[in-house]
N, C-alpha and C. Protein backbone atom coordinates (compact mmCIF):
# COMPACT_ATOMS: atom_id res chain seq x y z
N MET A 1 0.84 -1.18 0.00
CA MET A 1 0.00 0.00 0.00
C MET A 1 0.89 1.24 0.00
N LYS A 2 0.63 2.13 -0.93
CA LYS A 2 1.40 3.36 -1.01
C LYS A 2 0.79 4.41 -0.08
N LEU A 3 1.67 5.16 0.57
CA LEU A 3 1.19 6.19 1.48
C LEU A 3 0.60 7.37 0.71
N PHE A 4 1.28 7.79 -0.36
CA PHE A 4 0.81 8.89 -1.19
C PHE A 4 0.72 8.40 -2.63
N PRO A 5 -0.47 8.08 -3.12
CA PRO A 5 -0.57 7.66 -4.52
C PRO A 5 -0.28 8.85 -5.44
N ILE A 6 0.42 8.57 -6.52
CA ILE A 6 0.78 9.65 -7.45
C ILE A 6 -0.18 9.60 -8.63
N ASN A 7 -1.06 10.57 -8.68
CA ASN A 7 -1.96 10.75 -9.82
C ASN A 7 -2.22 12.24 -9.97
N ARG A 8 -3.04 12.62 -10.89
CA ARG A 8 -3.27 14.05 -11.16
C ARG A 8 -3.85 14.78 -9.97
N ASN A 9 -4.77 14.13 -9.27
CA ASN A 9 -5.40 14.81 -8.14
C ASN A 9 -4.42 15.07 -7.01
N SER A 10 -3.58 14.09 -6.69
CA SER A 10 -2.64 14.29 -5.59
C SER A 10 -1.57 15.31 -5.95
N ILE A 11 -1.16 15.35 -7.19
CA ILE A 11 -0.17 16.35 -7.62
C ILE A 11 -0.78 17.74 -7.54
N ALA A 12 -1.99 17.89 -8.00
CA ALA A 12 -2.66 19.20 -7.95
C ALA A 12 -2.87 19.66 -6.51
N LEU A 13 -3.27 18.75 -5.65
CA LEU A 13 -3.48 19.11 -4.25
C LEU A 13 -2.18 19.50 -3.57
N SER A 14 -1.11 18.81 -3.89
CA SER A 14 0.17 19.14 -3.27
C SER A 14 0.68 20.50 -3.76
N VAL A 15 0.48 20.83 -5.03
CA VAL A 15 0.91 22.14 -5.54
C VAL A 15 0.08 23.26 -4.92
N VAL A 16 -1.21 23.05 -4.79
CA VAL A 16 -2.08 24.06 -4.16
C VAL A 16 -1.68 24.24 -2.69
N ALA A 17 -1.40 23.14 -2.01
CA ALA A 17 -0.97 23.23 -0.61
C ALA A 17 0.35 23.98 -0.50
N PHE A 18 1.27 23.73 -1.43
CA PHE A 18 2.56 24.41 -1.39
C PHE A 18 2.41 25.92 -1.57
N VAL A 19 1.59 26.33 -2.51
CA VAL A 19 1.38 27.76 -2.75
C VAL A 19 0.66 28.40 -1.56
N SER A 20 -0.34 27.72 -1.02
CA SER A 20 -1.08 28.27 0.12
C SER A 20 -0.19 28.40 1.35
N ILE A 21 0.57 27.38 1.64
CA ILE A 21 1.48 27.43 2.79
C ILE A 21 2.56 28.48 2.55
N GLY A 22 2.99 28.63 1.31
CA GLY A 22 3.98 29.65 0.98
C GLY A 22 3.47 31.05 1.27
N PHE A 23 2.24 31.35 0.87
CA PHE A 23 1.66 32.66 1.16
C PHE A 23 1.54 32.87 2.67
N PHE A 24 1.08 31.85 3.37
CA PHE A 24 0.89 31.96 4.82
C PHE A 24 2.20 32.20 5.54
N VAL A 25 3.22 31.40 5.24
CA VAL A 25 4.51 31.53 5.92
C VAL A 25 5.19 32.84 5.55
N ALA A 26 5.10 33.24 4.29
CA ALA A 26 5.71 34.50 3.87
C ALA A 26 5.04 35.69 4.58
N GLY A 27 3.75 35.64 4.73
CA GLY A 27 3.06 36.71 5.46
C GLY A 27 3.36 36.67 6.94
N LEU A 28 3.52 35.48 7.50
CA LEU A 28 3.79 35.33 8.91
C LEU A 28 5.16 35.89 9.29
N PHE A 29 6.15 35.67 8.45
CA PHE A 29 7.50 36.13 8.73
C PHE A 29 7.84 37.47 8.08
N ASP A 30 6.84 38.15 7.56
CA ASP A 30 7.01 39.47 6.95
C ASP A 30 8.04 39.49 5.82
N VAL A 31 8.12 38.42 5.07
CA VAL A 31 9.01 38.43 3.90
C VAL A 31 8.22 38.55 2.61
N LEU A 32 6.90 38.75 2.73
CA LEU A 32 6.07 38.91 1.55
C LEU A 32 6.33 40.26 0.88
N ASP A 33 6.96 41.17 1.61
CA ASP A 33 7.28 42.48 1.04
C ASP A 33 8.46 42.41 0.08
N TYR A 34 9.24 41.34 0.13
CA TYR A 34 10.38 41.21 -0.78
C TYR A 34 9.88 40.84 -2.17
N PHE A 35 10.49 41.45 -3.17
CA PHE A 35 10.05 41.24 -4.54
C PHE A 35 10.20 39.78 -4.98
N ILE A 36 11.30 39.14 -4.61
CA ILE A 36 11.54 37.76 -5.06
C ILE A 36 10.49 36.81 -4.49
N MET A 37 10.04 37.04 -3.26
CA MET A 37 9.00 36.20 -2.68
C MET A 37 7.67 36.41 -3.39
N LYS A 38 7.36 37.66 -3.67
CA LYS A 38 6.12 37.94 -4.40
C LYS A 38 6.17 37.29 -5.78
N ALA A 39 7.31 37.40 -6.43
CA ALA A 39 7.46 36.84 -7.78
C ALA A 39 7.30 35.32 -7.75
N LEU A 40 7.93 34.65 -6.79
CA LEU A 40 7.84 33.20 -6.71
C LEU A 40 6.41 32.74 -6.43
N LEU A 41 5.76 33.37 -5.46
CA LEU A 41 4.43 32.93 -5.09
C LEU A 41 3.39 33.25 -6.17
N PHE A 42 3.48 34.43 -6.77
CA PHE A 42 2.51 34.76 -7.80
C PHE A 42 2.76 33.98 -9.09
N THR A 43 4.01 33.61 -9.35
CA THR A 43 4.30 32.74 -10.49
C THR A 43 3.70 31.37 -10.27
N GLY A 44 3.83 30.85 -9.06
CA GLY A 44 3.20 29.56 -8.73
C GLY A 44 1.69 29.62 -8.89
N PHE A 45 1.08 30.71 -8.46
CA PHE A 45 -0.36 30.88 -8.61
C PHE A 45 -0.76 30.95 -10.09
N ALA A 46 0.03 31.67 -10.88
CA ALA A 46 -0.26 31.79 -12.31
C ALA A 46 -0.13 30.43 -13.01
N VAL A 47 0.87 29.66 -12.64
CA VAL A 47 1.03 28.31 -13.22
C VAL A 47 -0.16 27.45 -12.87
N LEU A 48 -0.62 27.51 -11.64
CA LEU A 48 -1.81 26.75 -11.24
C LEU A 48 -3.03 27.16 -12.06
N LEU A 49 -3.18 28.44 -12.28
CA LEU A 49 -4.32 28.94 -13.04
C LEU A 49 -4.27 28.45 -14.48
N VAL A 50 -3.10 28.48 -15.09
CA VAL A 50 -2.96 28.02 -16.48
C VAL A 50 -3.24 26.52 -16.57
N ILE A 51 -2.71 25.75 -15.64
CA ILE A 51 -2.94 24.30 -15.65
C ILE A 51 -4.42 24.00 -15.47
N ALA A 52 -5.08 24.73 -14.57
CA ALA A 52 -6.52 24.53 -14.36
C ALA A 52 -7.32 24.84 -15.62
N LEU A 53 -6.96 25.90 -16.31
CA LEU A 53 -7.66 26.25 -17.55
C LEU A 53 -7.44 25.20 -18.64
N ILE A 54 -6.23 24.69 -18.74
CA ILE A 54 -5.94 23.66 -19.75
C ILE A 54 -6.76 22.41 -19.47
N HIS A 55 -6.80 21.99 -18.21
CA HIS A 55 -7.58 20.80 -17.87
C HIS A 55 -9.09 21.03 -18.07
N ALA A 56 -9.55 22.24 -17.78
CA ALA A 56 -10.97 22.54 -17.98
C ALA A 56 -11.33 22.48 -19.46
N LEU A 57 -10.46 23.00 -20.31
CA LEU A 57 -10.74 22.96 -21.75
C LEU A 57 -10.69 21.53 -22.29
N LYS A 58 -9.75 20.72 -21.80
CA LYS A 58 -9.68 19.32 -22.22
C LYS A 58 -10.93 18.57 -21.78
N ASN A 59 -11.39 18.84 -20.56
CA ASN A 59 -12.57 18.18 -20.04
C ASN A 59 -13.80 18.58 -20.86
N ASN A 60 -13.88 19.83 -21.26
CA ASN A 60 -14.99 20.32 -22.07
C ASN A 60 -15.00 19.64 -23.44
N ASP A 61 -13.82 19.44 -24.04
CA ASP A 61 -13.73 18.77 -25.33
C ASP A 61 -14.15 17.32 -25.21
N LYS A 62 -13.83 16.65 -24.14
CA LYS A 62 -14.22 15.25 -23.95
C LYS A 62 -15.73 15.12 -23.82
N LYS A 63 -16.37 16.07 -23.13
CA LYS A 63 -17.82 16.02 -22.97
C LYS A 63 -18.51 16.22 -24.32
N LYS A 64 -17.97 17.09 -25.17
CA LYS A 64 -18.59 17.34 -26.47
C LYS A 64 -18.48 16.14 -27.40
N SER A 65 -17.36 15.40 -27.30
CA SER A 65 -17.15 14.27 -28.21
C SER A 65 -17.93 13.05 -27.79
N SER A 66 -18.40 12.96 -26.55
CA SER A 66 -19.13 11.78 -26.08
C SER A 66 -20.55 11.75 -26.58
């Protein structure tokens, strides 16, 4: 039995958790004011948004073809 199965859902959840924890910890330690931290966290958020849109469009195409 695997402790963490590797599939699309678990990868997506781990990336969302990483970005969320990153925002929380950066705000907690007052390093969110640094440009590099803002750039890293907002880039991660943008990547998540793009991946979500790609999967949504693929899912929409599958529903139309069925």
